[in-house]
Amino acid sequence: MHPKVTYLVGENGSGKSTLLDAIAVASGFNPEGGSVNFNFNTRASHSVFHRFLRTSRAVHRHTDGYFLRSESFFNVATEIDNLDAQPLGARLL
């Protein structure tokens, strides 16, 4: 095991994904995935657990990050394609 990796282990339905989703949303990420600046909404599918969390960070604050939910990868990829298709928009991939 690598010392900079956290492993969440548990039975199916024990809340591993719910916890990760809540941490991501409480940290400012889009619930459907993406970066903190990548906001879109197709269907609310996350729990309200993030409302009960308070996240904190070390002194060095990261300025980037990305949250990718396996359940919504298709939605993120579709939104990127839509943004890429706009005539004056910057290419995202």
N, C-alpha and C. Protein backbone atom coordinates (compact mmCIF):
# COMPACT_ATOMS: atom_id res chain seq x y z
N MET A 1 0.84 -1.19 0.00
CA MET A 1 0.00 0.00 0.00
C MET A 1 0.88 1.24 0.00
N HIS A 2 0.43 2.25 -0.73
CA HIS A 2 1.15 3.52 -0.80
C HIS A 2 0.68 4.43 0.33
N PRO A 3 1.57 5.14 1.01
CA PRO A 3 1.18 5.96 2.15
C PRO A 3 0.33 7.18 1.79
N LYS A 4 0.28 7.57 0.51
CA LYS A 4 -0.52 8.73 0.12
C LYS A 4 -1.85 8.35 -0.51
N VAL A 5 -2.26 7.11 -0.33
CA VAL A 5 -3.52 6.63 -0.89
C VAL A 5 -4.42 6.18 0.26
N THR A 6 -5.68 6.58 0.18
CA THR A 6 -6.66 6.15 1.16
C THR A 6 -7.57 5.13 0.50
N TYR A 7 -7.79 4.02 1.15
CA TYR A 7 -8.64 2.97 0.64
C TYR A 7 -9.92 2.93 1.45
N LEU A 8 -11.06 2.88 0.77
CA LEU A 8 -12.34 2.68 1.43
C LEU A 8 -12.82 1.29 1.05
N VAL A 9 -13.04 0.47 2.04
CA VAL A 9 -13.40 -0.92 1.80
C VAL A 9 -14.69 -1.21 2.55
N GLY A 10 -15.61 -1.90 1.89
CA GLY A 10 -16.84 -2.28 2.55
C GLY A 10 -17.75 -3.02 1.61
N GLU A 11 -18.77 -3.59 2.17
CA GLU A 11 -19.77 -4.32 1.39
C GLU A 11 -20.51 -3.37 0.46
N ASN A 12 -21.09 -3.92 -0.60
CA ASN A 12 -21.95 -3.13 -1.48
C ASN A 12 -23.08 -2.53 -0.65
N GLY A 13 -23.35 -1.26 -0.88
CA GLY A 13 -24.42 -0.60 -0.16
C GLY A 13 -24.04 -0.08 1.20
N SER A 14 -22.76 -0.14 1.56
CA SER A 14 -22.34 0.32 2.90
C SER A 14 -22.09 1.82 2.98
N GLY A 15 -22.09 2.53 1.82
CA GLY A 15 -21.98 3.99 1.85
C GLY A 15 -20.65 4.56 1.37
N LYS A 16 -19.81 3.76 0.77
CA LYS A 16 -18.50 4.25 0.30
C LYS A 16 -18.67 5.37 -0.72
N SER A 17 -19.49 5.14 -1.74
CA SER A 17 -19.70 6.16 -2.78
C SER A 17 -20.43 7.37 -2.24
N THR A 18 -21.38 7.13 -1.34
CA THR A 18 -22.11 8.24 -0.73
C THR A 18 -21.17 9.16 0.04
N LEU A 19 -20.23 8.58 0.76
CA LEU A 19 -19.25 9.37 1.50
C LEU A 19 -18.36 10.17 0.55
N LEU A 20 -17.85 9.53 -0.51
CA LEU A 20 -17.01 10.24 -1.47
C LEU A 20 -17.77 11.36 -2.17
N ASP A 21 -19.01 11.10 -2.56
CA ASP A 21 -19.84 12.14 -3.18
C ASP A 21 -20.02 13.32 -2.24
N ALA A 22 -20.32 13.03 -0.98
CA ALA A 22 -20.55 14.10 0.00
C ALA A 22 -19.29 14.93 0.23
N ILE A 23 -18.15 14.29 0.31
CA ILE A 23 -16.89 15.02 0.49
C ILE A 23 -16.64 15.92 -0.72
N ALA A 24 -16.86 15.40 -1.92
CA ALA A 24 -16.64 16.18 -3.13
C ALA A 24 -17.57 17.39 -3.19
N VAL A 25 -18.85 17.20 -2.93
CA VAL A 25 -19.81 18.31 -2.98
C VAL A 25 -19.51 19.33 -1.89
N ALA A 26 -19.19 18.86 -0.69
CA ALA A 26 -18.85 19.77 0.41
C ALA A 26 -17.57 20.55 0.11
N SER A 27 -16.73 20.01 -0.75
CA SER A 27 -15.48 20.68 -1.14
C SER A 27 -15.66 21.61 -2.34
N GLY A 28 -16.88 21.70 -2.85
CA GLY A 28 -17.17 22.64 -3.93
C GLY A 28 -17.23 22.04 -5.32
N PHE A 29 -17.14 20.73 -5.44
CA PHE A 29 -17.21 20.11 -6.76
C PHE A 29 -18.65 19.92 -7.20
N ASN A 30 -18.83 19.89 -8.52
CA ASN A 30 -20.14 19.62 -9.10
C ASN A 30 -20.56 18.21 -8.71
N PRO A 31 -21.79 18.02 -8.22
CA PRO A 31 -22.23 16.69 -7.81
C PRO A 31 -22.18 15.65 -8.92
N GLU A 32 -22.29 16.06 -10.16
CA GLU A 32 -22.28 15.10 -11.27
C GLU A 32 -20.88 14.83 -11.79
N GLY A 33 -19.90 15.52 -11.25
CA GLY A 33 -18.53 15.30 -11.67
C GLY A 33 -17.97 16.52 -12.38
N GLY A 34 -16.67 16.54 -12.48
CA GLY A 34 -15.98 17.65 -13.12
C GLY A 34 -15.16 18.43 -12.13
N SER A 35 -14.75 19.61 -12.54
CA SER A 35 -13.94 20.48 -11.69
C SER A 35 -14.85 21.41 -10.91
N VAL A 36 -14.27 22.23 -10.05
CA VAL A 36 -15.08 23.18 -9.28
C VAL A 36 -15.67 24.25 -10.19
N ASN A 37 -15.10 24.46 -11.37
CA ASN A 37 -15.60 25.45 -12.31
C ASN A 37 -16.48 24.84 -13.39
N PHE A 38 -16.77 23.58 -13.32
CA PHE A 38 -17.52 22.86 -14.34
C PHE A 38 -18.88 22.52 -13.77
N ASN A 39 -19.83 23.42 -13.92
CA ASN A 39 -21.13 23.25 -13.29
C ASN A 39 -22.22 23.03 -14.32
N PHE A 40 -22.89 21.91 -14.23
CA PHE A 40 -24.07 21.61 -15.02
C PHE A 40 -24.90 20.64 -14.21
N ASN A 41 -26.14 20.48 -14.60
CA ASN A 41 -27.03 19.61 -13.84
C ASN A 41 -27.98 18.92 -14.80
N THR A 42 -27.94 17.62 -14.85
CA THR A 42 -28.90 16.88 -15.67
C THR A 42 -29.98 16.25 -14.80
N ARG A 43 -29.57 15.71 -13.66
CA ARG A 43 -30.53 15.09 -12.74
C ARG A 43 -29.86 14.96 -11.38
N ALA A 44 -30.51 15.47 -10.36
CA ALA A 44 -29.95 15.37 -9.02
C ALA A 44 -29.95 13.90 -8.58
N SER A 45 -28.77 13.38 -8.28
CA SER A 45 -28.69 11.97 -7.88
C SER A 45 -27.83 11.78 -6.64
N HIS A 46 -27.42 12.87 -6.01
CA HIS A 46 -26.57 12.76 -4.83
C HIS A 46 -27.41 12.97 -3.57
N SER A 47 -26.89 12.51 -2.46
CA SER A 47 -27.61 12.62 -1.19
C SER A 47 -27.39 14.01 -0.59
N VAL A 48 -28.09 14.29 0.49
CA VAL A 48 -27.94 15.56 1.19
C VAL A 48 -26.88 15.47 2.29
N PHE A 49 -26.15 14.36 2.33
CA PHE A 49 -25.13 14.13 3.36
C PHE A 49 -24.09 15.25 3.39
N HIS A 50 -23.79 15.87 2.23
CA HIS A 50 -22.77 16.92 2.18
C HIS A 50 -23.14 18.12 3.06
N ARG A 51 -24.42 18.31 3.32
CA ARG A 51 -24.86 19.43 4.17
C ARG A 51 -24.42 19.26 5.62
N PHE A 52 -24.07 18.05 6.00
CA PHE A 52 -23.70 17.75 7.37
C PHE A 52 -22.19 17.58 7.55
N LEU A 53 -21.43 17.88 6.50
CA LEU A 53 -19.98 17.77 6.56
C LEU A 53 -19.34 19.15 6.54
N ARG A 54 -18.22 19.24 7.17
CA ARG A 54 -17.39 20.45 7.08
C ARG A 54 -16.00 19.97 6.67
N THR A 55 -15.54 20.44 5.53
CA THR A 55 -14.22 20.02 5.07
C THR A 55 -13.20 21.08 5.44
N SER A 56 -11.98 20.65 5.65
CA SER A 56 -10.88 21.59 5.91
C SER A 56 -9.67 21.11 5.11
N ARG A 57 -8.79 22.02 4.85
CA ARG A 57 -7.61 21.70 4.05
C ARG A 57 -6.37 22.16 4.78
N ALA A 58 -5.26 21.67 4.30
CA ALA A 58 -3.98 22.06 4.89
C ALA A 58 -3.68 23.51 4.52
N VAL A 59 -2.58 24.02 5.02
CA VAL A 59 -2.17 25.40 4.75
C VAL A 59 -2.03 25.62 3.24
N HIS A 60 -1.44 24.65 2.54
CA HIS A 60 -1.28 24.75 1.09
C HIS A 60 -2.59 24.35 0.44
N ARG A 61 -3.27 25.31 -0.16
CA ARG A 61 -4.56 25.04 -0.81
C ARG A 61 -4.34 24.74 -2.28
N HIS A 62 -4.83 23.60 -2.72
CA HIS A 62 -4.75 23.24 -4.14
C HIS A 62 -5.70 24.12 -4.93
N THR A 63 -5.29 24.50 -6.12
CA THR A 63 -6.13 25.34 -6.97
C THR A 63 -6.80 24.55 -8.07
N ASP A 64 -6.58 23.26 -8.10
CA ASP A 64 -7.22 22.45 -9.12
C ASP A 64 -7.70 21.14 -8.50
N GLY A 65 -8.49 20.44 -9.23
CA GLY A 65 -9.00 19.16 -8.78
C GLY A 65 -10.07 18.69 -9.74
N TYR A 66 -10.43 17.45 -9.62
CA TYR A 66 -11.43 16.88 -10.51
C TYR A 66 -12.12 15.74 -9.80
N PHE A 67 -13.42 15.72 -9.89
CA PHE A 67 -14.23 14.67 -9.28
C PHE A 67 -14.97 13.94 -10.38
N LEU A 68 -14.80 12.64 -10.46
CA LEU A 68 -15.46 11.86 -11.51
C LEU A 68 -16.23 10.72 -10.88
N ARG A 69 -17.52 10.77 -11.01
CA ARG A 69 -18.39 9.69 -10.53
C ARG A 69 -18.57 8.69 -11.66
N SER A 70 -18.43 7.44 -11.34
CA SER A 70 -18.63 6.42 -12.38
C SER A 70 -20.07 6.44 -12.89
N GLU A 71 -21.01 6.79 -12.03
CA GLU A 71 -22.42 6.81 -12.43
C GLU A 71 -22.73 7.92 -13.42
N SER A 72 -21.94 8.97 -13.46
CA SER A 72 -22.27 10.11 -14.32
C SER A 72 -21.18 10.43 -15.33
N PHE A 73 -20.27 9.51 -15.59
CA PHE A 73 -19.21 9.76 -16.57
C PHE A 73 -19.80 10.15 -17.92
N PHE A 74 -20.86 9.47 -18.34
CA PHE A 74 -21.49 9.78 -19.62
C PHE A 74 -21.98 11.22 -19.65
N ASN A 75 -22.58 11.70 -18.55
CA ASN A 75 -23.07 13.09 -18.50
C ASN A 75 -21.93 14.08 -18.62
N VAL A 76 -20.81 13.82 -17.93
CA VAL A 76 -19.66 14.72 -18.00
C VAL A 76 -19.11 14.74 -19.42
N ALA A 77 -18.94 13.57 -20.03
CA ALA A 77 -18.40 13.50 -21.39
C ALA A 77 -19.33 14.18 -22.38
N THR A 78 -20.63 14.03 -22.22
CA THR A 78 -21.59 14.68 -23.11
C THR A 78 -21.54 16.19 -22.97
N GLU A 79 -21.41 16.69 -21.75
CA GLU A 79 -21.32 18.14 -21.54
C GLU A 79 -20.05 18.69 -22.16
N ILE A 80 -18.94 17.98 -22.06
CA ILE A 80 -17.69 18.41 -22.69
C ILE A 80 -17.88 18.48 -24.20
N ASP A 81 -18.51 17.46 -24.79
CA ASP A 81 -18.78 17.48 -26.23
C ASP A 81 -19.65 18.67 -26.62
N ASN A 82 -20.68 18.97 -25.83
CA ASN A 82 -21.55 20.11 -26.10
C ASN A 82 -20.78 21.43 -26.06
N LEU A 83 -19.91 21.58 -25.06
CA LEU A 83 -19.12 22.81 -24.95
C LEU A 83 -18.11 22.92 -26.09
N ASP A 84 -17.52 21.81 -26.49
CA ASP A 84 -16.57 21.81 -27.60
C ASP A 84 -17.25 22.18 -28.92
N ALA A 85 -18.52 21.88 -29.05
CA ALA A 85 -19.25 22.15 -30.30
C ALA A 85 -19.64 23.62 -30.45
N GLN A 86 -19.56 24.40 -29.38
CA GLN A 86 -19.91 25.82 -29.48
C GLN A 86 -18.85 26.56 -30.29
N PRO A 87 -19.28 27.47 -31.20
CA PRO A 87 -18.35 28.06 -32.15
C PRO A 87 -17.19 28.85 -31.53
N LEU A 88 -17.42 29.57 -30.47
CA LEU A 88 -16.37 30.41 -29.89
C LEU A 88 -15.82 29.84 -28.58
N GLY A 89 -16.22 28.64 -28.24
CA GLY A 89 -15.78 28.04 -27.00
C GLY A 89 -14.40 27.41 -27.13
N ALA A 90 -13.70 27.38 -26.02
CA ALA A 90 -12.38 26.73 -25.99
C ALA A 90 -12.54 25.22 -25.97
N ARG A 91 -11.67 24.52 -26.63
CA ARG A 91 -11.71 23.06 -26.63
C ARG A 91 -11.32 22.57 -25.24
N LEU A 92 -12.07 21.62 -24.71
CA LEU A 92 -11.80 21.11 -23.37
C LEU A 92 -10.97 19.84 -23.39
N LEU A 93 -10.92 19.15 -24.49
CA LEU A 93 -10.10 17.94 -24.58
C LEU A 93 -9.15 18.04 -25.73
